[in-house]
Amino acid sequence: MSDKKSVRARVQRFGSNLSSMIMPNIGAFIAWGILTAIAVPTEIGMLEAFVDPMVMYLLPLLIAFAGGRMLHDFRGGVVGATAAMGVIVAADIPMFIGAMVMGPLGGYVIKKFDQAIEDKTPTGFEMLVNNFSAGIIGAILALIGSIGIGPVVQGVTAALGAGVDAMIAIGALPLVSIFIEPAKILFLNNAINHGIISPIATSQVAEFGESMLFMLEANPGPGIGILIAFMIFGKGAAKASSYGAGIIQFFGGIHELYFPYVLMKPLLIVALIAGGMSGVFMVTLLEVGLTSVPAPGSIFLILAFASSGSHLGVILAVLVAAAVSFAIAAPILKFDRKGKEENIEEAQTKMEDMKGEKDAISVTAPEQKNYNDISSIIFACDAGMGSSAMGASIMKDRIKKAGIEGVEITNTSISNIPESADLVITHKDLTTRAKEQKPDAIHVSVENFMNSPHYNEIIEGLTSDEQEEEHTSTVEKEINKVVFACDAGMGSSAMGASLLKDKFKKAGLTGIQVSNTAISEIPDDADLVITHKDLTDRAREQKPDAEHMSVDNFLNSPKYGDLVERLQK
């Protein structure tokens, strides 16, 4: 059983990584889809000039940059994008899969290189080494990609495309719903959608102006069919919550909201598969498609991206999928009501358990920093090179001579100060900006990075046995911003945020911002982060200075009431 969970967790993590490359760039995909949707039927030359360069170069480079940055910040993104040019120029098709390979590879290689030379670069040569190493490694990887990886990826993409074409030709495409619908419930859809469907579909759009593959996973019909069945035949909390879930799922495109309802009655997966197959059948029968990735899968976005002449067919595909899903789910719910109220909260917890891997921790407030707590020192300047690199080199040497261990020293630009920074050293004219970027860190202003008396104070603080608290107040931290965080930053966390907003409003609490986001995108100014108990460790790593609250489920936690009482005092 643990092996199965481990495999599922690995696929989920793989899918999450793919999403991290695709989702930040969805705006660019949408822009390309809009231009393509207008250019294909109108044949306006100026618009047609955008289509190929964007899909062949812009989109793959953005994906590669996001992949490289995911592993080694901005520097990794630059090398990843450079490396991806190799596979891009080696192919005559949009190289999305190649970009997903070369981007993270470039970030990984430059990260390992930087770690290898970390203490070996002579003072004053940091900028030279950084720039030349990135250029040389990027060029080498681009050549490797062009010669070795590009042809392989092009072959794989062509094989996948041929397989899809064959399934369409024999009318077997609806069968993919047998895999896609259960995969969505298990949170494996990102690996399928972004790793296989989107690259092939985008290639088809570039060639034919539309692709029916975009409707395989994004169709909201099967999910809304399940939720309508709960609205009519459900019971208790499941019935009551299904109305709001249906509105958000269908119009907001957050498919995650119907997952707990299916997990509560696993037989409903049959209804989902049948609904999905019916929707795909209608798409293939009517030969309709979309022009870009509909993310999220909202009916509004799906209709916006329906190709010219496809709108009626797309609507029918959604309605048929919903009708079939409802027709099968309704009797399952109607004849399976044994007097026991459906426990949507338990199903919600089960869903969150399937997403998370960490152990639970209790509510934790941030500890006030002092020099004894420091494990990461950042030298920051405008560009993150030059003077800050020399300052970091000098501090590394002094800390090494003082025999201090366990303290990481790096340099970066102010805009890229990492979340893990405990102490940030900047020129006095830049300290205000650094504090805005990382307000919870200790900040030291210097007049020049080469020789500052503050360095002695830092060394003495790091070697001192005394615990000098920068703040001695034991008053709980003031809360102005509450963030609900989950893996995707949608679905369950959105509902939790909505519930807490309502509680704050009823309690007369004003001036407190409540929002939801992905764990990887928790904002710097978050005062309280609320997560499912299995994801709190990850959230705490992402935002260690915030107060963290673990809950069993987002829909109904007694801790919300405690929080309201605390804020009313």
Protein backbone atom coordinates (compact mmCIF):
# COMPACT_ATOMS: atom_id res chain seq x y z
CA MET A 1 0.00 0.00 0.00
CA SER A 2 2.79 2.39 0.88
CA ASP A 3 4.46 1.62 -2.44
CA LYS A 4 1.26 2.59 -4.27
CA LYS A 5 1.05 5.81 -2.29
CA SER A 6 4.69 6.50 -3.03
CA VAL A 7 4.18 6.01 -6.76
CA ARG A 8 1.09 8.21 -6.69
CA ALA A 9 2.95 10.86 -4.71
CA ARG A 10 5.78 10.83 -7.25
CA VAL A 11 3.37 11.23 -10.15
CA GLN A 12 1.56 14.01 -8.27
CA ARG A 13 4.85 15.78 -7.65
CA PHE A 14 5.82 15.31 -11.29
CA GLY A 15 2.49 16.77 -12.37
CA SER A 16 2.91 19.63 -9.92
CA ASN A 17 6.30 20.42 -11.45
CA LEU A 18 4.79 20.44 -14.92
CA SER A 19 2.07 22.77 -13.67
CA SER A 20 4.72 25.06 -12.21
CA MET A 21 6.13 25.47 -15.71
CA ILE A 22 2.80 25.84 -17.52
CA MET A 23 0.49 27.71 -15.15
CA PRO A 24 2.60 30.89 -14.65
CA ASN A 25 2.60 31.26 -18.44
CA ILE A 26 -1.10 30.64 -19.07
CA GLY A 27 -1.54 34.34 -19.84
CA ALA A 28 0.81 33.99 -22.80
CA PHE A 29 -1.06 30.88 -23.99
CA ILE A 30 -4.32 32.81 -23.77
CA ALA A 31 -2.84 35.71 -25.74
CA TRP A 32 -1.67 33.29 -28.43
CA GLY A 33 -5.05 31.56 -28.46
CA ILE A 34 -6.88 34.86 -28.92
CA LEU A 35 -4.62 35.94 -31.79
CA THR A 36 -4.90 32.51 -33.42
CA ALA A 37 -8.69 32.45 -33.08
CA ILE A 38 -8.92 35.81 -34.86
CA ALA A 39 -6.16 35.23 -37.42
CA VAL A 40 -7.26 31.83 -38.77
CA PRO A 41 -10.77 32.77 -39.99
CA THR A 42 -9.97 36.38 -40.96
CA GLU A 43 -6.57 35.73 -42.59
CA ILE A 44 -5.35 39.17 -41.50
CA GLY A 45 -1.64 39.23 -42.33
CA MET A 46 -0.56 41.25 -39.32
CA LEU A 47 -2.24 38.82 -36.92
CA GLU A 48 -1.03 35.74 -38.78
CA ALA A 49 2.52 37.01 -38.30
CA PHE A 50 2.14 36.48 -34.54
CA VAL A 51 0.95 32.88 -34.60
CA ASP A 52 4.03 30.86 -35.58
CA PRO A 53 6.73 32.87 -33.74
CA MET A 54 4.73 32.78 -30.51
CA VAL A 55 4.05 29.05 -30.55
CA MET A 56 7.48 28.08 -31.88
CA TYR A 57 9.64 30.37 -29.74
CA LEU A 58 7.88 32.49 -27.11
CA LEU A 59 5.81 29.80 -25.39
CA PRO A 60 8.55 27.12 -25.23
CA LEU A 61 11.07 29.68 -23.96
CA LEU A 62 8.69 30.84 -21.24
CA ILE A 63 8.12 27.23 -20.18
CA ALA A 64 11.86 26.55 -20.13
CA PHE A 65 12.56 29.72 -18.15
CA ALA A 66 9.93 28.77 -15.55
CA GLY A 67 11.41 25.27 -15.33
CA GLY A 68 14.94 26.53 -14.82
CA ARG A 69 13.88 29.17 -12.32
CA MET A 70 12.01 26.52 -10.37
CA LEU A 71 15.35 24.85 -9.60
CA HIS A 72 17.78 27.75 -9.37
CA ASP A 73 15.99 31.08 -9.35
CA PHE A 74 16.53 33.65 -12.14
CA ARG A 75 19.96 32.33 -13.06
CA GLY A 76 18.55 28.85 -13.54
CA GLY A 77 15.77 30.29 -15.69
CA VAL A 78 18.22 32.04 -18.00
CA VAL A 79 20.32 28.91 -18.51
CA GLY A 80 17.18 26.78 -18.91
CA ALA A 81 15.78 29.05 -21.61
CA THR A 82 19.14 29.17 -23.40
CA ALA A 83 19.39 25.38 -23.30
CA ALA A 84 15.87 25.06 -24.69
CA MET A 85 16.83 26.96 -27.84
CA GLY A 86 18.73 23.85 -28.88
CA VAL A 87 15.64 21.66 -29.06
CA ILE A 88 13.54 24.51 -30.49
CA VAL A 89 15.76 25.08 -33.54
CA ALA A 90 16.19 21.34 -34.07
CA ALA A 91 12.48 20.76 -34.62
CA ASP A 92 9.80 21.99 -36.97
CA ILE A 93 7.02 21.55 -34.41
CA PRO A 94 6.29 23.47 -31.18
CA MET A 95 8.77 22.03 -28.69
CA PHE A 96 6.83 22.15 -25.42
CA ILE A 97 7.98 18.74 -24.19
CA GLY A 98 11.55 19.64 -25.11
CA ALA A 99 11.26 22.88 -23.15
CA MET A 100 9.93 20.95 -20.14
CA VAL A 101 13.05 18.78 -20.32
CA MET A 102 15.73 21.37 -21.08
CA GLY A 103 14.47 24.11 -18.73
CA PRO A 104 14.79 22.10 -15.50
CA LEU A 105 17.96 20.44 -16.83
CA GLY A 106 19.59 23.83 -17.37
CA GLY A 107 18.54 24.99 -13.91
CA TYR A 108 19.85 21.80 -12.32
CA VAL A 109 23.23 21.92 -14.07
CA ILE A 110 23.93 25.58 -13.23
CA LYS A 111 22.80 24.97 -9.64
CA LYS A 112 25.27 22.11 -9.25
CA PHE A 113 28.00 24.19 -10.87
CA ASP A 114 27.39 27.09 -8.49
CA GLN A 115 27.51 24.73 -5.53
CA ALA A 116 30.77 23.23 -6.75
CA ILE A 117 32.58 26.58 -7.10
CA GLU A 118 30.90 28.29 -4.15
CA ASP A 119 34.05 28.72 -2.06
CA LYS A 120 36.58 28.61 -4.86
CA THR A 121 35.99 31.88 -6.73
CA PRO A 122 38.67 34.55 -6.04
CA THR A 123 37.41 37.80 -4.57
CA GLY A 124 36.56 40.30 -7.31
CA PHE A 125 36.02 37.64 -10.00
CA GLU A 126 32.49 36.65 -8.98
CA MET A 127 30.68 38.53 -11.75
CA LEU A 128 33.09 37.27 -14.40
CA VAL A 129 32.70 33.66 -13.28
CA ASN A 130 28.91 33.93 -12.93
CA ASN A 131 28.34 35.39 -16.38
CA PHE A 132 30.78 33.20 -18.29
CA SER A 133 29.69 30.01 -16.53
CA ALA A 134 26.03 30.67 -17.36
CA GLY A 135 26.91 31.45 -20.97
CA ILE A 136 29.19 28.45 -21.47
CA ILE A 137 26.87 25.97 -19.76
CA GLY A 138 23.86 27.36 -21.65
CA ALA A 139 25.67 27.06 -24.98
CA ILE A 140 26.83 23.49 -24.28
CA LEU A 141 23.35 22.38 -23.22
CA ALA A 142 21.82 24.07 -26.28
CA LEU A 143 24.15 22.06 -28.54
CA ILE A 144 23.42 18.85 -26.66
CA GLY A 145 19.71 19.55 -26.93
CA SER A 146 19.90 20.28 -30.64
CA ILE A 147 21.93 17.19 -31.50
CA GLY A 148 20.79 14.61 -28.97
CA ILE A 149 17.59 15.53 -27.17
CA GLY A 150 15.67 17.47 -29.83
CA PRO A 151 15.32 14.62 -32.34
CA VAL A 152 14.27 12.21 -29.57
CA VAL A 153 11.61 14.56 -28.23
CA GLN A 154 10.37 15.29 -31.74
CA GLY A 155 10.07 11.55 -32.35
CA VAL A 156 8.16 11.02 -29.10
CA THR A 157 5.84 13.94 -29.87
CA ALA A 158 5.23 12.64 -33.38
CA ALA A 159 4.47 9.16 -32.02
CA LEU A 160 2.01 10.53 -29.47
CA GLY A 161 0.36 12.67 -32.13
CA ALA A 162 0.08 9.68 -34.47
CA GLY A 163 -1.48 7.66 -31.66
CA VAL A 164 -4.07 10.35 -31.05
CA ASP A 165 -4.83 10.62 -34.77
CA ALA A 166 -5.29 6.84 -34.94
CA MET A 167 -7.69 6.88 -31.98
CA ILE A 168 -9.70 9.66 -33.61
CA ALA A 169 -9.78 7.79 -36.92
CA ILE A 170 -11.24 4.62 -35.38
CA GLY A 171 -13.53 6.51 -32.99
CA ALA A 172 -11.70 5.35 -29.87
CA LEU A 173 -10.82 8.76 -28.41
CA PRO A 174 -13.71 8.66 -25.88
CA LEU A 175 -11.96 5.72 -24.20
CA VAL A 176 -9.31 8.06 -22.80
CA SER A 177 -11.91 9.19 -20.26
CA ILE A 178 -11.47 5.80 -18.58
CA PHE A 179 -8.03 7.02 -17.55
CA ILE A 180 -8.50 10.79 -17.33
CA GLU A 181 -11.52 10.94 -15.00
CA PRO A 182 -10.08 8.65 -12.27
CA ALA A 183 -6.73 10.43 -12.69
CA LYS A 184 -8.39 13.75 -11.86
CA ILE A 185 -9.76 12.36 -8.60
CA LEU A 186 -6.27 11.08 -7.71
CA PHE A 187 -4.71 14.46 -8.61
CA LEU A 188 -2.70 12.87 -11.42
CA ASN A 189 -4.34 14.96 -14.12
CA ASN A 190 -1.57 17.57 -14.24
CA ALA A 191 0.94 14.99 -15.43
CA ILE A 192 -1.45 13.86 -18.17
CA ASN A 193 -2.79 17.27 -19.12
CA HIS A 194 0.40 19.33 -19.15
CA GLY A 195 2.79 16.51 -20.03
CA ILE A 196 0.89 14.92 -22.92
CA ILE A 197 -2.38 16.59 -23.93
CA SER A 198 -1.37 20.26 -24.04
CA PRO A 199 1.80 19.84 -26.15
CA ILE A 200 -0.01 17.71 -28.75
CA ALA A 201 -3.09 19.94 -28.73
CA THR A 202 -1.03 23.10 -29.18
CA SER A 203 0.75 21.52 -32.15
CA GLN A 204 -2.64 20.72 -33.67
CA VAL A 205 -3.79 24.31 -33.19
CA ALA A 206 -0.67 25.56 -34.95
CA GLU A 207 -1.42 23.23 -37.86
CA PHE A 208 -5.22 23.17 -38.05
CA GLY A 209 -6.34 26.21 -36.04
CA GLU A 210 -8.10 24.16 -33.34
CA SER A 211 -7.80 20.98 -31.26
CA MET A 212 -10.47 18.79 -29.70
CA LEU A 213 -7.90 17.48 -27.20
CA PHE A 214 -8.31 20.58 -25.04
CA MET A 215 -11.80 19.29 -24.20
CA LEU A 216 -10.63 15.93 -22.87
CA GLU A 217 -9.84 17.12 -19.35
CA ALA A 218 -11.33 20.62 -19.17
CA ASN A 219 -14.99 19.76 -19.88
CA PRO A 220 -16.94 20.84 -16.76
CA GLY A 221 -19.93 18.70 -17.74
CA PRO A 222 -19.16 15.47 -15.84
CA GLY A 223 -18.44 17.35 -12.63
CA ILE A 224 -21.53 19.56 -12.72
CA GLY A 225 -23.65 16.47 -13.44
CA ILE A 226 -22.41 14.87 -10.21
CA LEU A 227 -23.06 18.03 -8.21
CA ILE A 228 -26.59 18.49 -9.61
CA ALA A 229 -27.33 14.91 -8.53
CA PHE A 230 -26.24 15.85 -5.02
CA MET A 231 -28.39 19.00 -5.14
CA ILE A 232 -31.47 16.85 -5.82
CA PHE A 233 -30.76 13.50 -4.17
CA GLY A 234 -28.01 14.35 -1.70
CA LYS A 235 -28.45 14.60 2.04
CA GLY A 236 -27.29 16.80 4.88
CA ALA A 237 -24.08 18.79 4.53
CA ALA A 238 -23.28 17.24 1.15
CA LYS A 239 -26.56 18.48 -0.31
CA ALA A 240 -26.26 21.91 1.30
CA SER A 241 -22.72 22.51 0.07
CA SER A 242 -23.29 21.16 -3.45
CA TYR A 243 -25.02 24.36 -4.64
CA GLY A 244 -22.05 26.62 -3.97
CA ALA A 245 -19.64 23.97 -5.20
CA GLY A 246 -21.59 23.64 -8.46
CA ILE A 247 -21.51 27.37 -9.17
CA ILE A 248 -17.77 27.62 -8.53
CA GLN A 249 -16.98 24.41 -10.43
CA PHE A 250 -18.98 25.25 -13.56
CA PHE A 251 -18.47 28.99 -13.83
CA GLY A 252 -15.20 29.37 -11.93
CA GLY A 253 -13.59 26.30 -13.47
CA ILE A 254 -12.33 24.80 -10.19
CA HIS A 255 -12.98 21.11 -10.87
CA GLU A 256 -11.35 20.12 -7.59
CA LEU A 257 -14.59 20.99 -5.78
CA TYR A 258 -16.46 17.86 -6.89
CA PHE A 259 -13.65 15.46 -5.93
CA PRO A 260 -14.79 15.01 -2.29
CA TYR A 261 -18.31 14.09 -3.44
CA VAL A 262 -16.95 11.30 -5.62
CA LEU A 263 -14.59 10.09 -2.90
CA MET A 264 -17.56 9.93 -0.54
CA LYS A 265 -19.30 7.48 -2.90
CA PRO A 266 -16.60 5.88 -5.11
CA LEU A 267 -19.23 4.26 -7.36
CA LEU A 268 -19.82 7.74 -8.78
CA ILE A 269 -16.57 7.36 -10.71
CA VAL A 270 -18.65 5.32 -13.18
CA ALA A 271 -20.86 8.36 -13.73
CA LEU A 272 -17.80 10.55 -14.26
CA ILE A 273 -16.27 8.19 -16.81
CA ALA A 274 -19.54 7.83 -18.71
CA GLY A 275 -20.04 11.60 -18.71
CA GLY A 276 -16.49 12.18 -19.88
CA MET A 277 -16.80 9.61 -22.66
CA SER A 278 -20.09 11.13 -23.81
CA GLY A 279 -18.58 14.60 -23.95
CA VAL A 280 -15.57 13.42 -25.94
CA PHE A 281 -17.86 11.46 -28.28
CA MET A 282 -19.84 14.62 -29.02
CA VAL A 283 -16.65 16.58 -29.66
CA THR A 284 -15.40 13.99 -32.17
CA LEU A 285 -18.84 13.54 -33.75
CA LEU A 286 -19.33 17.27 -34.31
CA GLU A 287 -15.63 17.87 -35.07
CA VAL A 288 -15.31 20.91 -32.81
CA GLY A 289 -12.34 22.17 -30.81
CA LEU A 290 -10.66 24.95 -28.87
CA THR A 291 -7.81 27.26 -29.80
CA SER A 292 -5.94 27.36 -26.47
CA VAL A 293 -5.63 25.85 -23.01
CA PRO A 294 -8.79 26.60 -20.98
CA ALA A 295 -7.24 27.01 -17.56
CA PRO A 296 -9.16 26.99 -15.34
CA GLY A 297 -11.84 24.83 -16.95
CA SER A 298 -14.62 27.41 -16.72
CA ILE A 299 -17.52 27.32 -19.15
CA PHE A 300 -16.78 30.98 -19.89
CA LEU A 301 -13.17 30.27 -20.89
CA ILE A 302 -14.15 27.18 -22.88
CA LEU A 303 -16.67 29.18 -24.91
CA ALA A 304 -14.18 32.02 -25.34
CA PHE A 305 -11.65 29.61 -26.85
CA ALA A 306 -14.09 27.65 -29.01
CA SER A 307 -12.91 27.93 -32.59
CA SER A 308 -15.02 29.63 -35.23
CA GLY A 309 -18.17 27.57 -35.81
CA SER A 310 -17.54 25.33 -32.79
CA HIS A 311 -19.55 27.12 -30.12
CA LEU A 312 -22.78 25.16 -30.52
CA GLY A 313 -20.91 21.86 -30.65
CA VAL A 314 -18.89 22.70 -27.56
CA ILE A 315 -22.06 23.64 -25.64
CA LEU A 316 -23.68 20.35 -26.69
CA ALA A 317 -20.60 18.40 -25.57
CA VAL A 318 -20.78 20.01 -22.13
CA LEU A 319 -24.54 19.51 -21.79
CA VAL A 320 -24.44 15.87 -22.92
CA ALA A 321 -21.57 15.11 -20.54
CA ALA A 322 -23.49 16.71 -17.68
CA ALA A 323 -26.73 14.89 -18.56
CA VAL A 324 -25.10 11.46 -18.78
CA SER A 325 -23.13 12.01 -15.58
CA PHE A 326 -26.31 13.11 -13.77
CA ALA A 327 -28.39 10.24 -15.19
CA ILE A 328 -26.01 7.66 -13.74
CA ALA A 329 -25.21 9.49 -10.49
CA ALA A 330 -28.87 10.14 -9.60
CA PRO A 331 -29.93 6.50 -9.10
CA ILE A 332 -26.68 5.74 -7.29
CA LEU A 333 -27.51 8.45 -4.75
CA LYS A 334 -31.25 7.78 -4.70
CA PHE A 335 -31.00 4.06 -3.96
CA ASP A 336 -27.95 4.28 -1.72
CA ARG A 337 -29.52 6.44 0.99
CA LYS A 338 -29.44 4.18 4.00
CA GLY A 339 -30.40 6.79 6.54
CA LYS A 340 -26.79 7.79 6.98
CA GLU A 341 -25.91 11.40 6.28
CA GLU A 342 -23.16 11.81 3.72
CA ASN A 343 -20.04 12.99 5.50
CA ILE A 344 -18.65 15.61 3.12
CA GLU A 345 -16.16 16.77 5.76
CA GLU A 346 -14.71 13.28 6.03
CA ALA A 347 -14.46 13.08 2.26
CA GLN A 348 -12.81 16.51 2.19
CA THR A 349 -10.23 15.28 4.70
CA LYS A 350 -9.68 12.15 2.63
CA MET A 351 -9.09 14.31 -0.44
CA GLU A 352 -6.56 16.48 1.37
CA ASP A 353 -4.84 13.33 2.67
CA MET A 354 -4.44 12.18 -0.92
CA LYS A 355 -2.76 15.47 -1.80
CA GLY A 356 -0.39 15.82 1.14
CA GLU A 357 2.52 13.80 2.44
CA LYS A 358 3.73 15.67 5.51
CA ASP A 359 2.88 15.04 9.14
CA ALA A 360 0.65 17.48 10.94
CA ILE A 361 1.98 20.18 13.23
CA SER A 362 0.10 22.41 15.59
CA VAL A 363 -0.48 26.14 15.33
CA THR A 364 2.90 27.81 15.47
CA ALA A 365 3.87 31.43 15.81
CA PRO A 366 7.16 32.75 14.43
CA GLU A 367 10.12 33.02 16.74
CA GLN A 368 11.79 36.40 16.92
CA LYS A 369 15.14 36.36 15.16
CA ASN A 370 18.51 37.08 16.72
CA TYR A 371 22.03 36.45 15.52
CA ASN A 372 22.05 32.99 17.12
CA ASP A 373 19.10 31.96 14.95
CA ILE A 374 20.77 32.92 11.68
CA SER A 375 21.45 30.22 9.11
CA SER A 376 21.21 32.28 5.92
CA ILE A 377 22.91 35.61 5.18
CA ILE A 378 22.08 37.43 1.95
CA PHE A 379 24.07 40.27 0.39
CA ALA A 380 21.64 42.15 -1.84
CA CYS A 381 22.11 44.90 -4.38
CA ASP A 382 20.26 46.07 -7.48
CA ALA A 383 21.64 43.49 -9.89
CA GLY A 384 22.68 40.79 -7.42
CA MET A 385 26.23 40.73 -8.78
CA GLY A 386 29.35 42.86 -8.53
CA SER A 387 29.62 44.58 -5.15
CA SER A 388 27.25 42.24 -3.31
CA ALA A 389 29.16 39.22 -4.64
CA MET A 390 32.41 40.66 -3.29
CA GLY A 391 30.79 41.41 0.07
CA ALA A 392 29.49 37.85 0.28
CA SER A 393 32.95 36.52 -0.55
CA ILE A 394 34.55 38.63 2.22
CA MET A 395 31.96 37.53 4.78
CA LYS A 396 32.41 33.87 3.83
CA ASP A 397 36.13 34.20 4.44
CA ARG A 398 35.64 35.89 7.82
CA ILE A 399 33.07 33.36 8.98
CA LYS A 400 35.34 30.52 7.91
CA LYS A 401 38.25 31.99 9.89
CA ALA A 402 35.98 32.42 12.93
CA GLY A 403 35.14 28.71 12.80
CA ILE A 404 31.42 29.33 12.38
CA GLU A 405 29.52 26.52 10.68
CA GLY A 406 25.98 26.09 9.40
CA VAL A 407 25.60 29.59 7.97
CA GLU A 408 24.93 29.91 4.23
CA ILE A 409 26.08 33.14 2.56
CA THR A 410 24.93 34.13 -0.91
CA ASN A 411 24.34 37.25 -2.99
CA THR A 412 21.32 38.18 -5.05
CA SER A 413 19.30 41.09 -6.37
CA ILE A 414 16.88 42.79 -3.99
CA SER A 415 13.90 41.59 -6.03
CA ASN A 416 15.02 37.98 -5.58
CA ILE A 417 15.77 37.88 -1.85
CA PRO A 418 14.76 34.31 -0.89
CA GLU A 419 12.18 33.42 1.73
CA SER A 420 14.86 31.60 3.75
CA ALA A 421 16.92 34.77 4.31
CA ASP A 422 17.52 35.44 8.03
CA LEU A 423 19.94 38.38 7.68
CA VAL A 424 20.01 40.75 4.70
CA ILE A 425 22.97 43.08 4.17
CA THR A 426 22.50 46.00 1.78
CA HIS A 427 23.98 49.38 0.97
CA LYS A 428 22.33 52.04 3.13
CA ASP A 429 20.56 53.56 0.12
CA LEU A 430 18.88 50.24 -0.69
CA THR A 431 17.88 49.02 2.78
CA THR A 432 14.36 50.43 2.59
CA ARG A 433 13.66 48.49 -0.58
CA ALA A 434 15.14 45.35 0.94
CA LYS A 435 12.90 45.70 4.01
CA GLU A 436 9.85 46.00 1.77
CA GLN A 437 10.91 42.84 -0.05
CA LYS A 438 11.73 40.85 3.10
CA PRO A 439 10.26 42.65 6.14
CA ASP A 440 10.69 39.75 8.58
CA ALA A 441 14.48 39.42 8.21
CA ILE A 442 17.19 41.24 10.19
CA HIS A 443 18.54 44.06 8.01
CA VAL A 444 22.02 45.56 8.22
CA SER A 445 22.92 48.73 6.30
CA VAL A 446 26.52 49.29 5.21
CA GLU A 447 28.21 52.19 3.45
CA ASN A 448 30.29 49.84 1.35
CA PHE A 449 30.45 46.08 1.00
CA MET A 450 34.24 45.87 1.05
CA ASN A 451 34.87 46.98 4.62
CA SER A 452 32.18 47.63 7.20
CA PRO A 453 32.42 47.65 11.01
CA HIS A 454 29.04 45.93 11.07
CA TYR A 455 30.74 42.74 9.90
CA ASN A 456 32.50 42.53 13.28
CA GLU A 457 29.18 42.89 15.09
CA ILE A 458 27.69 40.09 13.02
CA ILE A 459 30.63 37.77 13.68
CA GLU A 460 30.45 38.52 17.41
CA GLY A 461 26.70 37.91 17.41
CA LEU A 462 27.11 34.58 15.64
CA THR A 463 29.77 33.39 18.07
CA SER A 464 28.07 34.66 21.23
CA ASP A 465 26.39 32.19 23.57
CA GLU A 466 23.90 34.80 24.72
CA GLN A 467 20.42 34.77 23.23
CA GLU A 468 19.84 38.43 22.39
CA GLU A 469 16.23 38.92 21.41
CA GLU A 470 15.63 41.73 18.94
CA HIS A 471 12.06 41.93 20.25
CA THR A 472 10.97 40.80 23.72
CA SER A 473 7.27 41.31 23.38
CA THR A 474 5.16 38.22 24.00
CA VAL A 475 2.05 39.75 22.52
CA GLU A 476 0.58 37.68 19.70
CA LYS A 477 1.41 38.96 16.25
CA GLU A 478 -1.11 41.38 14.77
CA ILE A 479 -3.01 39.82 11.90
CA ASN A 480 -3.86 41.93 8.86
CA LYS A 481 -3.67 39.29 6.15
CA VAL A 482 -4.90 35.68 6.28
CA VAL A 483 -3.95 33.30 3.47
CA PHE A 484 -5.51 29.89 2.81
CA ALA A 485 -2.96 27.73 0.99
CA CYS A 486 -3.20 24.36 -0.73
CA ASP A 487 -1.36 22.60 -3.56
CA ALA A 488 -3.08 24.34 -6.45
CA GLY A 489 -4.31 27.46 -4.63
CA MET A 490 -7.87 26.83 -5.79
CA GLY A 491 -10.79 24.59 -4.85
CA SER A 492 -10.84 23.73 -1.15
CA SER A 493 -8.69 26.68 -0.08
CA ALA A 494 -10.96 29.06 -2.02
CA MET A 495 -13.99 27.74 -0.16
CA GLY A 496 -12.17 28.03 3.17
CA ALA A 497 -11.29 31.64 2.43
CA SER A 498 -14.91 32.36 1.49
CA LEU A 499 -16.18 30.83 4.75
CA LEU A 500 -13.74 32.80 6.90
CA LYS A 501 -14.56 36.06 5.09
CA ASP A 502 -18.21 35.45 5.95
CA LYS A 503 -17.37 34.77 9.62
CA PHE A 504 -15.28 37.95 9.81
CA LYS A 505 -18.10 39.96 8.22
CA LYS A 506 -20.69 38.60 10.68
CA ALA A 507 -18.33 39.29 13.59
CA GLY A 508 -17.83 42.89 12.46
CA LEU A 509 -14.11 42.39 11.82
CA THR A 510 -12.87 44.79 9.15
CA GLY A 511 -9.49 45.60 7.65
CA ILE A 512 -8.36 41.96 7.53
CA GLN A 513 -7.62 40.65 4.05
CA VAL A 514 -8.47 36.98 3.39
CA SER A 515 -7.27 35.26 0.23
CA ASN A 516 -6.26 31.86 -1.13
CA THR A 517 -3.20 30.78 -3.08
CA ALA A 518 -0.86 27.90 -3.86
CA ILE A 519 1.70 27.02 -1.19
CA SER A 520 4.50 27.93 -3.57
CA GLU A 521 3.05 31.45 -3.97
CA ILE A 522 2.32 32.46 -0.35
CA PRO A 523 2.86 36.26 -0.31
CA ASP A 524 5.54 37.90 1.80
CA ASP A 525 3.02 39.97 3.76
CA ALA A 526 0.97 36.99 4.97
CA ASP A 527 0.49 37.16 8.75
CA LEU A 528 -1.48 33.92 9.19
CA VAL A 529 -1.34 30.93 6.84
CA ILE A 530 -4.07 28.30 7.11
CA THR A 531 -3.39 24.88 5.57
CA HIS A 532 -4.58 21.31 5.78
CA LYS A 533 -2.63 19.50 8.47
CA ASP A 534 -0.72 17.40 5.92
CA LEU A 535 0.56 20.47 4.08
CA THR A 536 1.53 22.70 7.01
CA ASP A 537 5.19 21.67 7.00
CA ARG A 538 5.54 22.69 3.36
CA ALA A 539 3.79 25.99 4.04
CA ARG A 540 6.05 26.66 7.01
CA GLU A 541 9.13 26.04 4.87
CA GLN A 542 7.76 28.48 2.30
CA LYS A 543 6.83 31.17 4.86
CA PRO A 544 8.67 30.45 8.14
CA ASP A 545 8.05 33.87 9.70
CA ALA A 546 4.24 33.72 9.53
CA GLU A 547 1.86 32.20 12.03
CA HIS A 548 0.56 28.85 10.81
CA MET A 549 -2.74 27.14 11.53
CA SER A 550 -3.37 23.47 10.71
CA VAL A 551 -6.93 22.33 10.07
CA ASP A 552 -8.46 18.93 9.37
CA ASN A 553 -10.59 20.37 6.60
CA PHE A 554 -11.22 23.82 5.16
CA LEU A 555 -15.01 23.59 5.17
CA ASN A 556 -15.64 23.45 8.91
CA SER A 557 -12.91 23.89 11.50
CA PRO A 558 -13.52 24.91 15.13
CA LYS A 559 -10.29 26.90 14.94
CA TYR A 560 -12.08 29.52 12.84
CA GLY A 561 -14.25 30.39 15.82
CA ASP A 562 -11.21 30.59 18.09
CA LEU A 563 -9.53 32.91 15.59
CA VAL A 564 -12.57 35.21 15.45
CA GLU A 565 -12.68 35.40 19.27
CA ARG A 566 -8.97 36.18 19.40
CA LEU A 567 -9.25 38.99 16.84
CA GLN A 568 -12.26 40.50 18.63
CA LYS A 569 -10.26 41.01 21.85
